[in-house]
Amino acid sequence: MPDQPSLLAEIRSRFRGGRGFSLATLNLDHLVKLRASASYRATYAAQDLIVADGNPIVWLSRLARRPVALVPGSDLLRPLLQLAADEGMPVAFYGSTPEVLAQAAARLAAELPALQLVWTGAPAMGFDPTGLEADAALHAMQAAGARLCIVSLSAPRQEAFAAYGRRRAPQIGFCGFGAGLDFIAGQQVRAPAWVRKLALEWVWRALSAPRRMIPRYTACIAILPGQIAAALRQRRA
């Protein structure tokens, strides 16, 4: 999707038409996983909508002369929930922990009183996103009347669950937002606005969790030359 307004317009159309969707937020870490895993590539190919969730993706798109705007999942979550409230679409939360889901629900009830949060669920650690637990969650949110599901899991599970849910519950829109609900609940803190404006949020995250994030960002940096070359080939084409 080229930008947030286009994305929200498409989702509004799907809400009104009774059509579901699966939304993925593409970043360099996902590109690393896509290079390494055929199953993840198949999962990503099953997504209906994809947005650029990182400045490197935006820069590469410009280099390829196929520009898209930055649409971080964390910045998209509230506008999307506002849209669901405006359209009267019931919402489900799936992922994270019961504590985070309860805290996020309480904060959003105060911020968006028209929001209809009809179901929440937190899977067990290491759950199968296409297994029996996933089936039970999908059945429960369907029974509750959900039309939008915010998925708060790590990659590749959240994309796999969204693609699976898209097939099993085709009237629901599935959005994978990683730590989006944790940010709303206050369990994780985003980088200050000035850091994000300078495109240095990755530095903030690396310093906040070095053991987990530094190896991830090292792998991301390693694929950049190949991605730049690919973007230049697209540019010439």
C-alpha atoms as a PDB file:
ATOM      1  CA  MET A   1       0.000   0.000   0.000  1.00  0.00           C
ATOM      2  CA  PRO A   2       1.433   3.426  -0.922  1.00  0.00           C
ATOM      3  CA  ASP A   3       0.495   5.298   2.277  1.00  0.00           C
ATOM      4  CA  GLN A   4      -1.733   5.302   5.356  1.00  0.00           C
ATOM      5  CA  PRO A   5      -4.741   7.128   3.804  1.00  0.00           C
ATOM      6  CA  SER A   6      -4.858   4.621   0.933  1.00  0.00           C
ATOM      7  CA  LEU A   7      -4.633   1.741   3.376  1.00  0.00           C
ATOM      8  CA  LEU A   8      -7.426   3.040   5.609  1.00  0.00           C
ATOM      9  CA  ALA A   9      -9.632   3.674   2.567  1.00  0.00           C
ATOM     10  CA  GLU A  10      -9.096   0.092   1.419  1.00  0.00           C
ATOM     11  CA  ILE A  11      -9.869  -1.296   4.872  1.00  0.00           C
ATOM     12  CA  ARG A  12     -13.014   0.842   5.127  1.00  0.00           C
ATOM     13  CA  SER A  13     -14.148  -0.577   1.793  1.00  0.00           C
ATOM     14  CA  ARG A  14     -13.534  -4.113   3.032  1.00  0.00           C
ATOM     15  CA  PHE A  15     -15.399  -3.450   6.280  1.00  0.00           C
ATOM     16  CA  ARG A  16     -18.418  -2.181   4.372  1.00  0.00           C
ATOM     17  CA  GLY A  17     -18.269  -5.018   1.856  1.00  0.00           C
ATOM     18  CA  GLY A  18     -18.035  -7.725   4.511  1.00  0.00           C
ATOM     19  CA  ARG A  19     -14.605  -8.799   3.269  1.00  0.00           C
ATOM     20  CA  GLY A  20     -11.695  -9.722   5.477  1.00  0.00           C
ATOM     21  CA  PHE A  21      -7.994  -9.248   4.870  1.00  0.00           C
ATOM     22  CA  SER A  22      -4.562  -9.897   6.304  1.00  0.00           C
ATOM     23  CA  LEU A  23      -2.135  -7.025   6.788  1.00  0.00           C
ATOM     24  CA  ALA A  24       1.635  -7.347   7.210  1.00  0.00           C
ATOM     25  CA  THR A  25       4.111  -4.627   8.175  1.00  0.00           C
ATOM     26  CA  LEU A  26       7.335  -5.119   6.216  1.00  0.00           C
ATOM     27  CA  ASN A  27      10.734  -4.300   7.716  1.00  0.00           C
ATOM     28  CA  LEU A  28      14.341  -5.401   7.193  1.00  0.00           C
ATOM     29  CA  ASP A  29      14.066  -8.188   9.772  1.00  0.00           C
ATOM     30  CA  HIS A  30      11.226  -9.633   7.720  1.00  0.00           C
ATOM     31  CA  LEU A  31      13.397  -9.424   4.592  1.00  0.00           C
ATOM     32  CA  VAL A  32      16.076 -11.444   6.412  1.00  0.00           C
ATOM     33  CA  LYS A  33      13.490 -14.094   7.285  1.00  0.00           C
ATOM     34  CA  LEU A  34      12.054 -14.061   3.769  1.00  0.00           C
ATOM     35  CA  ARG A  35      15.498 -14.815   2.314  1.00  0.00           C
ATOM     36  CA  ALA A  36      15.989 -17.731   4.689  1.00  0.00           C
ATOM     37  CA  SER A  37      12.573 -19.413   4.693  1.00  0.00           C
ATOM     38  CA  ALA A  38      10.449 -20.666   1.810  1.00  0.00           C
ATOM     39  CA  SER A  39       7.492 -21.167   4.153  1.00  0.00           C
ATOM     40  CA  TYR A  40       7.727 -17.553   5.305  1.00  0.00           C
ATOM     41  CA  ARG A  41       7.798 -16.391   1.688  1.00  0.00           C
ATOM     42  CA  ALA A  42       4.598 -18.367   1.071  1.00  0.00           C
ATOM     43  CA  THR A  43       3.043 -16.850   4.181  1.00  0.00           C
ATOM     44  CA  TYR A  44       3.933 -13.331   3.052  1.00  0.00           C
ATOM     45  CA  ALA A  45       2.584 -14.000  -0.424  1.00  0.00           C
ATOM     46  CA  ALA A  46      -0.764 -14.800   1.206  1.00  0.00           C
ATOM     47  CA  GLN A  47      -1.063 -11.328   2.776  1.00  0.00           C
ATOM     48  CA  ASP A  48      -3.624  -9.035   1.154  1.00  0.00           C
ATOM     49  CA  LEU A  49      -2.057  -5.748   2.258  1.00  0.00           C
ATOM     50  CA  ILE A  50       1.557  -4.838   3.070  1.00  0.00           C
ATOM     51  CA  VAL A  51       2.926  -1.543   4.360  1.00  0.00           C
ATOM     52  CA  ALA A  52       6.467  -0.236   4.839  1.00  0.00           C
ATOM     53  CA  ASP A  53       7.222  -0.519   8.557  1.00  0.00           C
ATOM     54  CA  GLY A  54      10.754   0.845   8.425  1.00  0.00           C
ATOM     55  CA  ASN A  55      12.710   3.660   6.827  1.00  0.00           C
ATOM     56  CA  PRO A  56      15.077   1.298   4.948  1.00  0.00           C
ATOM     57  CA  ILE A  57      12.065  -0.151   3.109  1.00  0.00           C
ATOM     58  CA  VAL A  58      10.986   3.383   2.153  1.00  0.00           C
ATOM     59  CA  TRP A  59      14.495   4.305   1.003  1.00  0.00           C
ATOM     60  CA  LEU A  60      14.782   1.142  -1.083  1.00  0.00           C
ATOM     61  CA  SER A  61      11.381   1.826  -2.669  1.00  0.00           C
ATOM     62  CA  ARG A  62      12.530   5.311  -3.673  1.00  0.00           C
ATOM     63  CA  LEU A  63      15.774   3.936  -5.050  1.00  0.00           C
ATOM     64  CA  ALA A  64      13.757   1.506  -7.164  1.00  0.00           C
ATOM     65  CA  ARG A  65      11.469   4.362  -8.317  1.00  0.00           C
ATOM     66  CA  ARG A  66       8.484   2.594  -6.741  1.00  0.00           C
ATOM     67  CA  PRO A  67       8.068   4.933  -3.768  1.00  0.00           C
ATOM     68  CA  VAL A  68       5.885   4.152  -0.777  1.00  0.00           C
ATOM     69  CA  ALA A  69       5.389   6.119   2.435  1.00  0.00           C
ATOM     70  CA  LEU A  70       6.441   4.994   5.891  1.00  0.00           C
ATOM     71  CA  VAL A  71       3.490   3.392   7.713  1.00  0.00           C
ATOM     72  CA  PRO A  72       4.778   2.014  11.047  1.00  0.00           C
ATOM     73  CA  GLY A  73       2.455  -0.485  12.641  1.00  0.00           C
ATOM     74  CA  SER A  74       2.726   1.298  15.988  1.00  0.00           C
ATOM     75  CA  ASP A  75       1.508   4.548  14.397  1.00  0.00           C
ATOM     76  CA  LEU A  76      -1.226   2.765  12.450  1.00  0.00           C
ATOM     77  CA  LEU A  77      -2.858   0.942  15.369  1.00  0.00           C
ATOM     78  CA  ARG A  78      -4.868   3.819  16.833  1.00  0.00           C
ATOM     79  CA  PRO A  79      -6.134   5.176  13.467  1.00  0.00           C
ATOM     80  CA  LEU A  80      -7.189   1.660  12.526  1.00  0.00           C
ATOM     81  CA  LEU A  81      -9.037   1.158  15.807  1.00  0.00           C
ATOM     82  CA  GLN A  82     -10.664   4.579  15.363  1.00  0.00           C
ATOM     83  CA  LEU A  83     -11.819   3.459  11.919  1.00  0.00           C
ATOM     84  CA  ALA A  84     -13.249   0.248  13.392  1.00  0.00           C
ATOM     85  CA  ALA A  85     -15.081   2.290  16.037  1.00  0.00           C
ATOM     86  CA  ASP A  86     -16.447   4.701  13.429  1.00  0.00           C
ATOM     87  CA  GLU A  87     -17.641   1.834  11.224  1.00  0.00           C
ATOM     88  CA  GLY A  88     -19.112  -0.163  14.131  1.00  0.00           C
ATOM     89  CA  MET A  89     -16.741  -3.088  13.545  1.00  0.00           C
ATOM     90  CA  PRO A  90     -16.227  -5.314  16.631  1.00  0.00           C
ATOM     91  CA  VAL A  91     -12.555  -5.948  17.467  1.00  0.00           C
ATOM     92  CA  ALA A  92     -10.536  -8.848  18.899  1.00  0.00           C
ATOM     93  CA  PHE A  93      -7.016  -8.796  20.356  1.00  0.00           C
ATOM     94  CA  TYR A  94      -4.808 -11.877  20.070  1.00  0.00           C
ATOM     95  CA  GLY A  95      -1.263 -12.302  21.374  1.00  0.00           C
ATOM     96  CA  SER A  96       1.072 -10.826  23.983  1.00  0.00           C
ATOM     97  CA  THR A  97       0.000 -11.687  27.566  1.00  0.00           C
ATOM     98  CA  PRO A  98      -3.303 -11.499  29.465  1.00  0.00           C
ATOM     99  CA  GLU A  99      -1.923  -8.612  31.529  1.00  0.00           C
ATOM    100  CA  VAL A 100      -0.958  -6.578  28.465  1.00  0.00           C
ATOM    101  CA  LEU A 101      -4.295  -7.256  26.787  1.00  0.00           C
ATOM    102  CA  ALA A 102      -6.202  -6.120  29.892  1.00  0.00           C
ATOM    103  CA  GLN A 103      -4.120  -2.959  30.261  1.00  0.00           C
ATOM    104  CA  ALA A 104      -4.403  -2.092  26.570  1.00  0.00           C
ATOM    105  CA  ALA A 105      -8.156  -2.689  26.660  1.00  0.00           C
ATOM    106  CA  ALA A 106      -8.549  -0.388  29.676  1.00  0.00           C
ATOM    107  CA  ARG A 107      -6.573   2.431  28.075  1.00  0.00           C
ATOM    108  CA  LEU A 108      -8.382   2.145  24.776  1.00  0.00           C
ATOM    109  CA  ALA A 109     -11.781   2.092  26.494  1.00  0.00           C
ATOM    110  CA  ALA A 110     -10.921   5.543  27.869  1.00  0.00           C
ATOM    111  CA  GLU A 111      -9.477   6.863  24.595  1.00  0.00           C
ATOM    112  CA  LEU A 112     -12.018   5.317  22.189  1.00  0.00           C
ATOM    113  CA  PRO A 113     -15.282   4.790  24.056  1.00  0.00           C
ATOM    114  CA  ALA A 114     -17.063   3.743  20.839  1.00  0.00           C
ATOM    115  CA  LEU A 115     -14.629   0.874  20.269  1.00  0.00           C
ATOM    116  CA  GLN A 116     -16.296  -2.547  20.585  1.00  0.00           C
ATOM    117  CA  LEU A 117     -13.679  -4.917  21.980  1.00  0.00           C
ATOM    118  CA  VAL A 118     -15.536  -8.241  21.986  1.00  0.00           C
ATOM    119  CA  TRP A 119     -12.790 -10.825  22.576  1.00  0.00           C
ATOM    120  CA  THR A 120      -9.165 -11.121  23.723  1.00  0.00           C
ATOM    121  CA  GLY A 121      -6.846 -14.097  23.897  1.00  0.00           C
ATOM    122  CA  ALA A 122      -3.189 -14.795  24.657  1.00  0.00           C
ATOM    123  CA  PRO A 123      -1.721 -18.025  23.239  1.00  0.00           C
ATOM    124  CA  ALA A 124       0.621 -20.326  25.101  1.00  0.00           C
ATOM    125  CA  MET A 125       4.352 -19.888  24.555  1.00  0.00           C
ATOM    126  CA  GLY A 126       5.496 -21.566  21.362  1.00  0.00           C
ATOM    127  CA  PHE A 127       1.996 -22.205  20.042  1.00  0.00           C
ATOM    128  CA  ASP A 128       1.356 -23.452  16.503  1.00  0.00           C
ATOM    129  CA  PRO A 129      -0.215 -20.573  14.512  1.00  0.00           C
ATOM    130  CA  THR A 130      -2.010 -23.079  12.294  1.00  0.00           C
ATOM    131  CA  GLY A 131      -2.818 -25.671  14.957  1.00  0.00           C
ATOM    132  CA  LEU A 132      -5.630 -26.527  17.341  1.00  0.00           C
ATOM    133  CA  GLU A 133      -5.064 -23.524  19.609  1.00  0.00           C
ATOM    134  CA  ALA A 134      -5.254 -21.213  16.610  1.00  0.00           C
ATOM    135  CA  ASP A 135      -8.474 -22.914  15.489  1.00  0.00           C
ATOM    136  CA  ALA A 136     -10.000 -22.442  18.943  1.00  0.00           C
ATOM    137  CA  ALA A 137      -9.067 -18.757  18.996  1.00  0.00           C
ATOM    138  CA  LEU A 138     -10.514 -18.175  15.527  1.00  0.00           C
ATOM    139  CA  HIS A 139     -13.734 -19.953  16.471  1.00  0.00           C
ATOM    140  CA  ALA A 140     -14.049 -17.857  19.635  1.00  0.00           C
ATOM    141  CA  MET A 141     -13.513 -14.508  17.905  1.00  0.00           C
ATOM    142  CA  GLN A 142     -15.942 -15.472  15.149  1.00  0.00           C
ATOM    143  CA  ALA A 143     -18.556 -16.435  17.744  1.00  0.00           C
ATOM    144  CA  ALA A 144     -18.030 -13.050  19.428  1.00  0.00           C
ATOM    145  CA  GLY A 145     -18.723 -11.284  16.124  1.00  0.00           C
ATOM    146  CA  ALA A 146     -15.241  -9.807  15.595  1.00  0.00           C
ATOM    147  CA  ARG A 147     -14.544  -8.160  12.246  1.00  0.00           C
ATOM    148  CA  LEU A 148     -11.004  -6.968  13.035  1.00  0.00           C
ATOM    149  CA  CYS A 149      -8.285  -8.859  14.904  1.00  0.00           C
ATOM    150  CA  ILE A 150      -5.144  -7.124  16.147  1.00  0.00           C
ATOM    151  CA  VAL A 151      -2.421  -9.770  16.252  1.00  0.00           C
ATOM    152  CA  SER A 152       0.394  -9.024  18.690  1.00  0.00           C
ATOM    153  CA  LEU A 153       2.934 -11.787  18.135  1.00  0.00           C
ATOM    154  CA  SER A 154       6.482 -12.020  16.833  1.00  0.00           C
ATOM    155  CA  ALA A 155       7.434 -12.844  13.257  1.00  0.00           C
ATOM    156  CA  PRO A 156       6.921 -15.290  11.661  1.00  0.00           C
ATOM    157  CA  ARG A 157       4.061 -16.495  13.875  1.00  0.00           C
ATOM    158  CA  GLN A 158       1.914 -13.397  13.500  1.00  0.00           C
ATOM    159  CA  GLU A 159       2.020 -13.459   9.700  1.00  0.00           C
ATOM    160  CA  ALA A 160       1.349 -17.209   9.697  1.00  0.00           C
ATOM    161  CA  PHE A 161      -1.629 -16.784  12.041  1.00  0.00           C
ATOM    162  CA  ALA A 162      -2.986 -13.883   9.969  1.00  0.00           C
ATOM    163  CA  ALA A 163      -2.753 -15.888   6.743  1.00  0.00           C
ATOM    164  CA  TYR A 164      -4.346 -18.916   8.417  1.00  0.00           C
ATOM    165  CA  GLY A 165      -7.108 -16.801   9.921  1.00  0.00           C
ATOM    166  CA  ARG A 166      -7.724 -15.200   6.545  1.00  0.00           C
ATOM    167  CA  ARG A 167      -8.630 -18.636   5.182  1.00  0.00           C
ATOM    168  CA  ARG A 168     -10.571 -19.913   8.198  1.00  0.00           C
ATOM    169  CA  ALA A 169     -12.409 -16.680   9.078  1.00  0.00           C
ATOM    170  CA  PRO A 170     -12.676 -14.778   5.769  1.00  0.00           C
ATOM    171  CA  GLN A 171     -14.904 -12.021   7.165  1.00  0.00           C
ATOM    172  CA  ILE A 172     -12.275 -10.874   9.701  1.00  0.00           C
ATOM    173  CA  GLY A 173      -9.371  -8.518   9.008  1.00  0.00           C
ATOM    174  CA  PHE A 174      -6.111  -9.666  10.640  1.00  0.00           C
ATOM    175  CA  CYS A 175      -3.395  -7.082  11.358  1.00  0.00           C
ATOM    176  CA  GLY A 176       0.032  -8.113  12.656  1.00  0.00           C
ATOM    177  CA  PHE A 177       1.400  -5.294  14.798  1.00  0.00           C
ATOM    178  CA  GLY A 178       4.065  -6.999  16.919  1.00  0.00           C
ATOM    179  CA  ALA A 179       4.502  -4.984  20.099  1.00  0.00           C
ATOM    180  CA  GLY A 180       1.763  -2.482  19.236  1.00  0.00           C
ATOM    181  CA  LEU A 181      -0.484  -3.505  22.124  1.00  0.00           C
ATOM    182  CA  ASP A 182       2.499  -3.576  24.493  1.00  0.00           C
ATOM    183  CA  PHE A 183       3.154   0.083  23.625  1.00  0.00           C
ATOM    184  CA  ILE A 184      -0.467   1.009  24.319  1.00  0.00           C
ATOM    185  CA  ALA A 185      -0.412  -0.912  27.593  1.00  0.00           C
ATOM    186  CA  GLY A 186       2.784   0.864  28.646  1.00  0.00           C
ATOM    187  CA  GLN A 187       4.754  -2.379  28.935  1.00  0.00           C
ATOM    188  CA  GLN A 188       7.211  -1.207  26.287  1.00  0.00           C
ATOM    189  CA  VAL A 189       8.311   2.353  25.568  1.00  0.00           C
ATOM    190  CA  ARG A 190       8.794   3.687  22.049  1.00  0.00           C
ATOM    191  CA  ALA A 191      11.694   5.916  21.137  1.00  0.00           C
ATOM    192  CA  PRO A 192      11.030   9.652  21.584  1.00  0.00           C
ATOM    193  CA  ALA A 193       9.494  11.448  18.629  1.00  0.00           C
ATOM    194  CA  TRP A 194      12.743  13.282  17.807  1.00  0.00           C
ATOM    195  CA  VAL A 195      14.603   9.949  17.616  1.00  0.00           C
ATOM    196  CA  ARG A 196      11.971   8.550  15.241  1.00  0.00           C
ATOM    197  CA  LYS A 197      12.102  11.723  13.143  1.00  0.00           C
ATOM    198  CA  LEU A 198      15.850  11.213  12.664  1.00  0.00           C
ATOM    199  CA  ALA A 199      15.225   7.573  11.636  1.00  0.00           C
ATOM    200  CA  LEU A 200      17.227   6.367  14.645  1.00  0.00           C
ATOM    201  CA  GLU A 201      14.588   4.279  16.385  1.00  0.00           C
ATOM    202  CA  TRP A 202      16.650   1.181  15.602  1.00  0.00           C
ATOM    203  CA  VAL A 203      19.512   2.610  17.693  1.00  0.00           C
ATOM    204  CA  TRP A 204      17.113   3.234  20.580  1.00  0.00           C
ATOM    205  CA  ARG A 205      15.826  -0.335  20.395  1.00  0.00           C
ATOM    206  CA  ALA A 206      19.331  -1.785  20.103  1.00  0.00           C
ATOM    207  CA  LEU A 207      20.437   0.047  23.240  1.00  0.00           C
ATOM    208  CA  SER A 208      17.299  -0.969  25.136  1.00  0.00           C
ATOM    209  CA  ALA A 209      17.701  -4.709  24.417  1.00  0.00           C
ATOM    210  CA  PRO A 210      21.236  -5.257  23.060  1.00  0.00           C
ATOM    211  CA  ARG A 211      21.402  -9.051  23.405  1.00  0.00           C
ATOM    212  CA  ARG A 212      18.248  -9.499  21.359  1.00  0.00           C
ATOM    213  CA  MET A 213      18.405  -6.574  18.962  1.00  0.00           C
ATOM    214  CA  ILE A 214      22.087  -6.224  18.022  1.00  0.00           C
ATOM    215  CA  PRO A 215      22.286  -9.680  16.341  1.00  0.00           C
ATOM    216  CA  ARG A 216      19.003  -8.912  14.563  1.00  0.00           C
ATOM    217  CA  TYR A 217      20.232  -5.561  13.258  1.00  0.00           C
ATOM    218  CA  THR A 218      23.586  -7.055  12.254  1.00  0.00           C
ATOM    219  CA  ALA A 219      21.729  -9.531  10.039  1.00  0.00           C
ATOM    220  CA  CYS A 220      19.639  -6.664   8.632  1.00  0.00           C
ATOM    221  CA  ILE A 221      22.708  -4.614   7.759  1.00  0.00           C
ATOM    222  CA  ALA A 222      24.301  -7.633   6.084  1.00  0.00           C
ATOM    223  CA  ILE A 223      21.506  -7.937   3.503  1.00  0.00           C
ATOM    224  CA  LEU A 224      21.435  -4.233   2.602  1.00  0.00           C
ATOM    225  CA  PRO A 225      24.012  -4.373  -0.250  1.00  0.00           C
ATOM    226  CA  GLY A 226      22.010  -7.081  -1.980  1.00  0.00           C
ATOM    227  CA  GLN A 227      18.760  -5.186  -1.457  1.00  0.00           C
ATOM    228  CA  ILE A 228      20.282  -1.996  -2.838  1.00  0.00           C
ATOM    229  CA  ALA A 229      21.479  -3.888  -5.911  1.00  0.00           C
ATOM    230  CA  ALA A 230      18.010  -5.363  -6.387  1.00  0.00           C
ATOM    231  CA  ALA A 231      16.427  -1.908  -6.081  1.00  0.00           C
ATOM    232  CA  LEU A 232      18.818  -0.534  -8.707  1.00  0.00           C
ATOM    233  CA  ARG A 233      17.878  -3.396 -11.069  1.00  0.00           C
ATOM    234  CA  GLN A 234      14.211  -2.501 -10.590  1.00  0.00           C
ATOM    235  CA  ARG A 235      15.061   1.156 -11.231  1.00  0.00           C
ATOM    236  CA  ARG A 236      16.736   0.314 -14.534  1.00  0.00           C
ATOM    237  CA  ALA A 237      13.827  -1.925 -15.528  1.00  0.00           C
END
